[in-house]
Amino acid sequence: MLKIWGRANSINVQKAMWAVGELELPHERIDVGGKFGGLDDPGYLAMNPNALIPTIDDGGAVVWESNAVVRYLAAKYGEGSLWSADPAVRARADQWMDWMQTKLNPQFIGLFVGLVRTPPDDRDWPAIEAVTGRLIECYRFLDRRLESRPYLAGDEFTMADIPAGATLYRYYDMEIERPELARLRDWYERLSARPAYRTHVMVSYDDLRA
């Protein structure tokens, strides 16, 4: 059986679990990281020397790094759904997954750490305002790209939507001023109508608050 190590309120674990949910894969998730600890356990480090989450073991195939996990699951179990048979569609999915990791994610994490994980008296408000502005520009970019298609790689939901889409629940939940980006909001509503998204992404993060 597929095993996934990582806590449910980690956004990186949520990417993997969202893919698992979409594919309806039998699995066992094991809490590690955060308050659960275990990342420095020798057995865990033997699987993932970075001591991060998630890590999966699929019948001896060990994979870490959240986007790599999503790609692996999509390639093995999701042909025709998460994994397109068309190389051009897969390339579009890859570019959006990489864009999320290199462009969107640093701004998203910067805001989340500064606003949610930092005690109110210690917050650096100029830095928070600056990273919020950069994050919103990333979402504006997504909003423009969604003008001609309902999902990032085209007409159908694919693995492309998982990494960036996983950030939207917290983005719309955090107490910040947001511009109205109609296409981004519509995409979020399409994603949040999916049972796997509601189960694995729309998860309380209250115990991560400072």
C-alpha atoms as a PDB file:
ATOM      1  CA  MET A   1       0.000   0.000   0.000  1.00  0.00           C
ATOM      2  CA  LEU A   2       1.120   3.540  -0.753  1.00  0.00           C
ATOM      3  CA  LYS A   3       2.527   5.247   2.347  1.00  0.00           C
ATOM      4  CA  ILE A   4       2.771   9.018   2.760  1.00  0.00           C
ATOM      5  CA  TRP A   5       4.734  10.660   5.545  1.00  0.00           C
ATOM      6  CA  GLY A   6       3.697  14.181   6.535  1.00  0.00           C
ATOM      7  CA  ARG A   7       1.230  16.168   8.623  1.00  0.00           C
ATOM      8  CA  ALA A   8      -2.160  17.023   7.169  1.00  0.00           C
ATOM      9  CA  ASN A   9      -1.787  20.817   7.591  1.00  0.00           C
ATOM     10  CA  SER A  10       1.435  21.059   5.570  1.00  0.00           C
ATOM     11  CA  ILE A  11       0.665  22.600   2.195  1.00  0.00           C
ATOM     12  CA  ASN A  12       3.337  20.448   0.565  1.00  0.00           C
ATOM     13  CA  VAL A  13       1.746  17.323   1.993  1.00  0.00           C
ATOM     14  CA  GLN A  14      -1.630  18.633   0.855  1.00  0.00           C
ATOM     15  CA  LYS A  15      -0.417  18.650  -2.746  1.00  0.00           C
ATOM     16  CA  ALA A  16       0.424  14.960  -2.513  1.00  0.00           C
ATOM     17  CA  MET A  17      -2.770  14.093  -0.664  1.00  0.00           C
ATOM     18  CA  TRP A  18      -4.899  16.027  -3.136  1.00  0.00           C
ATOM     19  CA  ALA A  19      -3.395  13.926  -5.940  1.00  0.00           C
ATOM     20  CA  VAL A  20      -3.986  10.761  -3.920  1.00  0.00           C
ATOM     21  CA  GLY A  21      -7.589  11.804  -3.356  1.00  0.00           C
ATOM     22  CA  GLU A  22      -8.198  12.615  -7.015  1.00  0.00           C
ATOM     23  CA  LEU A  23      -6.817   9.204  -7.994  1.00  0.00           C
ATOM     24  CA  GLU A  24      -8.690   7.420  -5.169  1.00  0.00           C
ATOM     25  CA  LEU A  25      -5.560   5.505  -4.195  1.00  0.00           C
ATOM     26  CA  PRO A  26      -5.550   3.238  -1.131  1.00  0.00           C
ATOM     27  CA  HIS A  27      -2.967   4.689   1.175  1.00  0.00           C
ATOM     28  CA  GLU A  28      -1.700   5.190   4.699  1.00  0.00           C
ATOM     29  CA  ARG A  29      -0.649   8.655   5.838  1.00  0.00           C
ATOM     30  CA  ILE A  30       1.782   8.843   8.763  1.00  0.00           C
ATOM     31  CA  ASP A  31       2.031  12.045  10.815  1.00  0.00           C
ATOM     32  CA  VAL A  32       5.571  13.424  10.919  1.00  0.00           C
ATOM     33  CA  GLY A  33       6.907  16.966  11.004  1.00  0.00           C
ATOM     34  CA  GLY A  34       5.855  19.963  13.065  1.00  0.00           C
ATOM     35  CA  LYS A  35       4.496  18.997  16.463  1.00  0.00           C
ATOM     36  CA  PHE A  36       4.801  15.307  15.535  1.00  0.00           C
ATOM     37  CA  GLY A  37       8.582  15.412  15.059  1.00  0.00           C
ATOM     38  CA  GLY A  38      10.267  12.390  13.548  1.00  0.00           C
ATOM     39  CA  LEU A  39      12.096  14.136  10.721  1.00  0.00           C
ATOM     40  CA  ASP A  40      15.457  13.467  12.342  1.00  0.00           C
ATOM     41  CA  ASP A  41      14.703   9.799  12.872  1.00  0.00           C
ATOM     42  CA  PRO A  42      17.395   7.690  11.160  1.00  0.00           C
ATOM     43  CA  GLY A  43      14.759   5.624   9.380  1.00  0.00           C
ATOM     44  CA  TYR A  44      13.124   8.731   7.955  1.00  0.00           C
ATOM     45  CA  LEU A  45      16.440  10.307   6.989  1.00  0.00           C
ATOM     46  CA  ALA A  46      17.338   7.133   5.113  1.00  0.00           C
ATOM     47  CA  MET A  47      14.309   7.790   2.912  1.00  0.00           C
ATOM     48  CA  ASN A  48      14.550  11.577   2.732  1.00  0.00           C
ATOM     49  CA  PRO A  49      17.948  13.034   3.643  1.00  0.00           C
ATOM     50  CA  ASN A  50      16.501  16.561   3.429  1.00  0.00           C
ATOM     51  CA  ALA A  51      14.386  15.868   6.538  1.00  0.00           C
ATOM     52  CA  LEU A  52      11.350  17.485   4.911  1.00  0.00           C
ATOM     53  CA  ILE A  53       7.815  16.402   4.050  1.00  0.00           C
ATOM     54  CA  PRO A  54       6.202  14.767   2.189  1.00  0.00           C
ATOM     55  CA  THR A  55       7.891  11.476   1.436  1.00  0.00           C
ATOM     56  CA  ILE A  56       6.111   8.548  -0.180  1.00  0.00           C
ATOM     57  CA  ASP A  57       6.917   4.873  -0.478  1.00  0.00           C
ATOM     58  CA  ASP A  58       4.986   3.159  -3.244  1.00  0.00           C
ATOM     59  CA  GLY A  59       5.986  -0.486  -3.132  1.00  0.00           C
ATOM     60  CA  GLY A  60       9.649   0.409  -2.721  1.00  0.00           C
ATOM     61  CA  ALA A  61       9.630   3.480  -4.947  1.00  0.00           C
ATOM     62  CA  VAL A  62      10.561   6.279  -2.553  1.00  0.00           C
ATOM     63  CA  VAL A  63       9.890   9.823  -3.753  1.00  0.00           C
ATOM     64  CA  TRP A  64      10.251  13.178  -1.982  1.00  0.00           C
ATOM     65  CA  GLU A  65       9.734  16.828  -2.994  1.00  0.00           C
ATOM     66  CA  SER A  66       6.042  17.593  -3.281  1.00  0.00           C
ATOM     67  CA  ASN A  67       5.891  18.407  -6.990  1.00  0.00           C
ATOM     68  CA  ALA A  68       7.927  15.306  -7.814  1.00  0.00           C
ATOM     69  CA  VAL A  69       5.481  13.260  -5.747  1.00  0.00           C
ATOM     70  CA  VAL A  70       2.519  14.724  -7.663  1.00  0.00           C
ATOM     71  CA  ARG A  71       4.226  14.003 -10.996  1.00  0.00           C
ATOM     72  CA  TYR A  72       5.047  10.439  -9.976  1.00  0.00           C
ATOM     73  CA  LEU A  73       1.510   9.664  -8.843  1.00  0.00           C
ATOM     74  CA  ALA A  74       0.021  11.289 -11.931  1.00  0.00           C
ATOM     75  CA  ALA A  75       2.362   9.411 -14.286  1.00  0.00           C
ATOM     76  CA  LYS A  76       1.812   6.035 -12.642  1.00  0.00           C
ATOM     77  CA  TYR A  77      -1.877   6.179 -11.821  1.00  0.00           C
ATOM     78  CA  GLY A  78      -3.408   9.156 -13.589  1.00  0.00           C
ATOM     79  CA  GLU A  79      -3.011   8.741 -17.343  1.00  0.00           C
ATOM     80  CA  GLY A  80      -6.040  10.276 -18.962  1.00  0.00           C
ATOM     81  CA  SER A  81      -6.833  12.408 -15.941  1.00  0.00           C
ATOM     82  CA  LEU A  82      -4.028  14.110 -14.015  1.00  0.00           C
ATOM     83  CA  TRP A  83      -1.488  12.939 -16.611  1.00  0.00           C
ATOM     84  CA  SER A  84      -2.262  13.846 -20.213  1.00  0.00           C
ATOM     85  CA  ALA A  85      -1.219  11.526 -23.030  1.00  0.00           C
ATOM     86  CA  ASP A  86      -0.344  14.657 -25.036  1.00  0.00           C
ATOM     87  CA  PRO A  87       3.279  15.708 -24.450  1.00  0.00           C
ATOM     88  CA  ALA A  88       2.395  19.343 -25.177  1.00  0.00           C
ATOM     89  CA  VAL A  89      -0.232  19.343 -22.421  1.00  0.00           C
ATOM     90  CA  ARG A  90       2.210  17.671 -20.034  1.00  0.00           C
ATOM     91  CA  ALA A  91       4.803  20.332 -20.862  1.00  0.00           C
ATOM     92  CA  ARG A  92       2.284  23.046 -19.980  1.00  0.00           C
ATOM     93  CA  ALA A  93       1.579  21.243 -16.731  1.00  0.00           C
ATOM     94  CA  ASP A  94       5.299  21.012 -15.967  1.00  0.00           C
ATOM     95  CA  GLN A  95       5.868  24.696 -16.615  1.00  0.00           C
ATOM     96  CA  TRP A  96       3.059  25.697 -14.250  1.00  0.00           C
ATOM     97  CA  MET A  97       4.320  23.355 -11.555  1.00  0.00           C
ATOM     98  CA  ASP A  98       7.821  24.803 -11.889  1.00  0.00           C
ATOM     99  CA  TRP A  99       6.463  28.355 -11.985  1.00  0.00           C
ATOM    100  CA  MET A 100       4.613  27.759  -8.745  1.00  0.00           C
ATOM    101  CA  GLN A 101       7.753  26.519  -7.024  1.00  0.00           C
ATOM    102  CA  THR A 102      10.056  29.267  -8.239  1.00  0.00           C
ATOM    103  CA  LYS A 103       7.777  32.329  -8.518  1.00  0.00           C
ATOM    104  CA  LEU A 104       4.589  31.910  -6.505  1.00  0.00           C
ATOM    105  CA  ASN A 105       5.730  29.792  -3.602  1.00  0.00           C
ATOM    106  CA  PRO A 106       8.452  32.092  -2.208  1.00  0.00           C
ATOM    107  CA  GLN A 107       5.942  34.961  -1.993  1.00  0.00           C
ATOM    108  CA  PHE A 108       3.207  32.752  -0.566  1.00  0.00           C
ATOM    109  CA  ILE A 109       5.493  31.322   2.113  1.00  0.00           C
ATOM    110  CA  GLY A 110       6.828  34.786   2.908  1.00  0.00           C
ATOM    111  CA  LEU A 111       3.332  36.078   3.563  1.00  0.00           C
ATOM    112  CA  PHE A 112       2.206  33.011   5.485  1.00  0.00           C
ATOM    113  CA  VAL A 113       5.242  33.060   7.770  1.00  0.00           C
ATOM    114  CA  GLY A 114       5.112  36.817   8.271  1.00  0.00           C
ATOM    115  CA  LEU A 115       1.387  37.067   8.909  1.00  0.00           C
ATOM    116  CA  VAL A 116       0.320  33.729  10.378  1.00  0.00           C
ATOM    117  CA  ARG A 117       3.360  32.124  11.948  1.00  0.00           C
ATOM    118  CA  THR A 118       4.797  35.284  13.522  1.00  0.00           C
ATOM    119  CA  PRO A 119       3.333  36.691  16.770  1.00  0.00           C
ATOM    120  CA  PRO A 120       1.448  39.960  16.193  1.00  0.00           C
ATOM    121  CA  ASP A 121       3.899  42.056  18.191  1.00  0.00           C
ATOM    122  CA  ASP A 122       6.828  40.725  16.168  1.00  0.00           C
ATOM    123  CA  ARG A 123       5.379  41.183  12.694  1.00  0.00           C
ATOM    124  CA  ASP A 124       7.356  43.252  10.208  1.00  0.00           C
ATOM    125  CA  TRP A 125       4.473  45.089   8.563  1.00  0.00           C
ATOM    126  CA  PRO A 126       6.493  46.800   5.785  1.00  0.00           C
ATOM    127  CA  ALA A 127       7.888  43.395   4.811  1.00  0.00           C
ATOM    128  CA  ILE A 128       4.419  41.837   4.974  1.00  0.00           C
ATOM    129  CA  GLU A 129       2.984  44.570   2.744  1.00  0.00           C
ATOM    130  CA  ALA A 130       5.834  44.143   0.264  1.00  0.00           C
ATOM    131  CA  VAL A 131       5.498  40.353   0.003  1.00  0.00           C
ATOM    132  CA  THR A 132       1.700  40.669  -0.219  1.00  0.00           C
ATOM    133  CA  GLY A 133       2.118  42.945  -3.229  1.00  0.00           C
ATOM    134  CA  ARG A 134       4.475  40.491  -4.928  1.00  0.00           C
ATOM    135  CA  LEU A 135       2.117  37.595  -4.194  1.00  0.00           C
ATOM    136  CA  ILE A 136      -0.849  39.455  -5.635  1.00  0.00           C
ATOM    137  CA  GLU A 137       1.139  40.117  -8.803  1.00  0.00           C
ATOM    138  CA  CYS A 138       1.650  36.351  -9.116  1.00  0.00           C
ATOM    139  CA  TYR A 139      -2.090  35.816  -8.792  1.00  0.00           C
ATOM    140  CA  ARG A 140      -2.745  38.581 -11.322  1.00  0.00           C
ATOM    141  CA  PHE A 141      -0.489  36.661 -13.701  1.00  0.00           C
ATOM    142  CA  LEU A 142      -2.534  33.509 -13.097  1.00  0.00           C
ATOM    143  CA  ASP A 143      -5.748  35.451 -13.575  1.00  0.00           C
ATOM    144  CA  ARG A 144      -4.585  36.612 -17.019  1.00  0.00           C
ATOM    145  CA  ARG A 145      -3.558  33.101 -18.025  1.00  0.00           C
ATOM    146  CA  LEU A 146      -6.975  31.759 -17.036  1.00  0.00           C
ATOM    147  CA  GLU A 147      -8.754  34.133 -19.412  1.00  0.00           C
ATOM    148  CA  SER A 148      -8.731  31.621 -22.256  1.00  0.00           C
ATOM    149  CA  ARG A 149      -9.009  28.341 -20.349  1.00  0.00           C
ATOM    150  CA  PRO A 150     -10.750  26.975 -17.234  1.00  0.00           C
ATOM    151  CA  TYR A 151      -7.663  25.156 -15.951  1.00  0.00           C
ATOM    152  CA  LEU A 152      -3.973  25.940 -16.147  1.00  0.00           C
ATOM    153  CA  ALA A 153      -3.056  23.373 -18.801  1.00  0.00           C
ATOM    154  CA  GLY A 154      -6.246  23.662 -20.829  1.00  0.00           C
ATOM    155  CA  ASP A 155      -9.848  22.559 -20.735  1.00  0.00           C
ATOM    156  CA  GLU A 156      -9.395  19.765 -18.191  1.00  0.00           C
ATOM    157  CA  PHE A 157      -8.132  19.539 -14.620  1.00  0.00           C
ATOM    158  CA  THR A 158      -4.616  18.068 -14.534  1.00  0.00           C
ATOM    159  CA  MET A 159      -1.607  17.906 -12.251  1.00  0.00           C
ATOM    160  CA  ALA A 160      -0.842  21.465 -13.394  1.00  0.00           C
ATOM    161  CA  ASP A 161      -3.571  22.807 -11.130  1.00  0.00           C
ATOM    162  CA  ILE A 162      -2.435  21.119  -7.929  1.00  0.00           C
ATOM    163  CA  PRO A 163       0.628  23.101  -6.751  1.00  0.00           C
ATOM    164  CA  ALA A 164      -0.701  26.629  -7.359  1.00  0.00           C
ATOM    165  CA  GLY A 165      -4.283  25.640  -6.565  1.00  0.00           C
ATOM    166  CA  ALA A 166      -3.242  24.312  -3.178  1.00  0.00           C
ATOM    167  CA  THR A 167      -2.313  27.846  -2.084  1.00  0.00           C
ATOM    168  CA  LEU A 168      -5.714  29.378  -2.769  1.00  0.00           C
ATOM    169  CA  TYR A 169      -7.574  28.189   0.317  1.00  0.00           C
ATOM    170  CA  ARG A 170      -5.125  29.996   2.588  1.00  0.00           C
ATOM    171  CA  TYR A 171      -4.827  32.991   0.287  1.00  0.00           C
ATOM    172  CA  TYR A 172      -8.563  33.615   0.437  1.00  0.00           C
ATOM    173  CA  ASP A 173      -8.673  32.849   4.149  1.00  0.00           C
ATOM    174  CA  MET A 174      -5.841  35.102   5.337  1.00  0.00           C
ATOM    175  CA  GLU A 175      -6.721  38.574   6.593  1.00  0.00           C
ATOM    176  CA  ILE A 176      -5.279  40.713   3.820  1.00  0.00           C
ATOM    177  CA  GLU A 177      -6.701  43.117   1.283  1.00  0.00           C
ATOM    178  CA  ARG A 178      -7.104  41.386  -2.061  1.00  0.00           C
ATOM    179  CA  PRO A 179      -8.060  42.747  -5.455  1.00  0.00           C
ATOM    180  CA  GLU A 180     -11.032  41.118  -7.137  1.00  0.00           C
ATOM    181  CA  LEU A 181      -9.551  38.739  -9.689  1.00  0.00           C
ATOM    182  CA  ALA A 182     -12.642  37.174 -11.215  1.00  0.00           C
ATOM    183  CA  ARG A 183     -10.998  34.395 -13.192  1.00  0.00           C
ATOM    184  CA  LEU A 184      -8.782  33.389 -10.279  1.00  0.00           C
ATOM    185  CA  ARG A 185     -11.841  33.308  -8.007  1.00  0.00           C
ATOM    186  CA  ASP A 186     -13.747  31.211 -10.550  1.00  0.00           C
ATOM    187  CA  TRP A 187     -10.832  28.767 -10.747  1.00  0.00           C
ATOM    188  CA  TYR A 188     -10.753  28.541  -6.968  1.00  0.00           C
ATOM    189  CA  GLU A 189     -14.467  27.811  -6.913  1.00  0.00           C
ATOM    190  CA  ARG A 190     -14.021  25.053  -9.491  1.00  0.00           C
ATOM    191  CA  LEU A 191     -11.218  23.541  -7.432  1.00  0.00           C
ATOM    192  CA  SER A 192     -13.077  23.821  -4.121  1.00  0.00           C
ATOM    193  CA  ALA A 193     -16.010  21.939  -5.655  1.00  0.00           C
ATOM    194  CA  ARG A 194     -13.764  18.887  -5.989  1.00  0.00           C
ATOM    195  CA  PRO A 195     -14.159  16.458  -3.045  1.00  0.00           C
ATOM    196  CA  ALA A 196     -10.416  15.756  -2.842  1.00  0.00           C
ATOM    197  CA  TYR A 197      -9.676  19.482  -2.551  1.00  0.00           C
ATOM    198  CA  ARG A 198     -12.200  19.954   0.220  1.00  0.00           C
ATOM    199  CA  THR A 199     -10.861  16.926   2.094  1.00  0.00           C
ATOM    200  CA  HIS A 200      -7.134  17.499   1.796  1.00  0.00           C
ATOM    201  CA  VAL A 201      -6.582  21.233   1.150  1.00  0.00           C
ATOM    202  CA  MET A 202      -9.391  23.026   2.958  1.00  0.00           C
ATOM    203  CA  VAL A 203      -7.853  21.988   6.273  1.00  0.00           C
ATOM    204  CA  SER A 204      -7.579  24.128   9.398  1.00  0.00           C
ATOM    205  CA  TYR A 205      -4.153  25.605   9.999  1.00  0.00           C
ATOM    206  CA  ASP A 206      -5.019  27.121  13.382  1.00  0.00           C
ATOM    207  CA  ASP A 207      -2.318  25.168  15.187  1.00  0.00           C
ATOM    208  CA  LEU A 208       0.282  26.801  12.907  1.00  0.00           C
ATOM    209  CA  ARG A 209      -0.629  30.274  14.109  1.00  0.00           C
ATOM    210  CA  ALA A 210       1.855  32.016  16.357  1.00  0.00           C
END
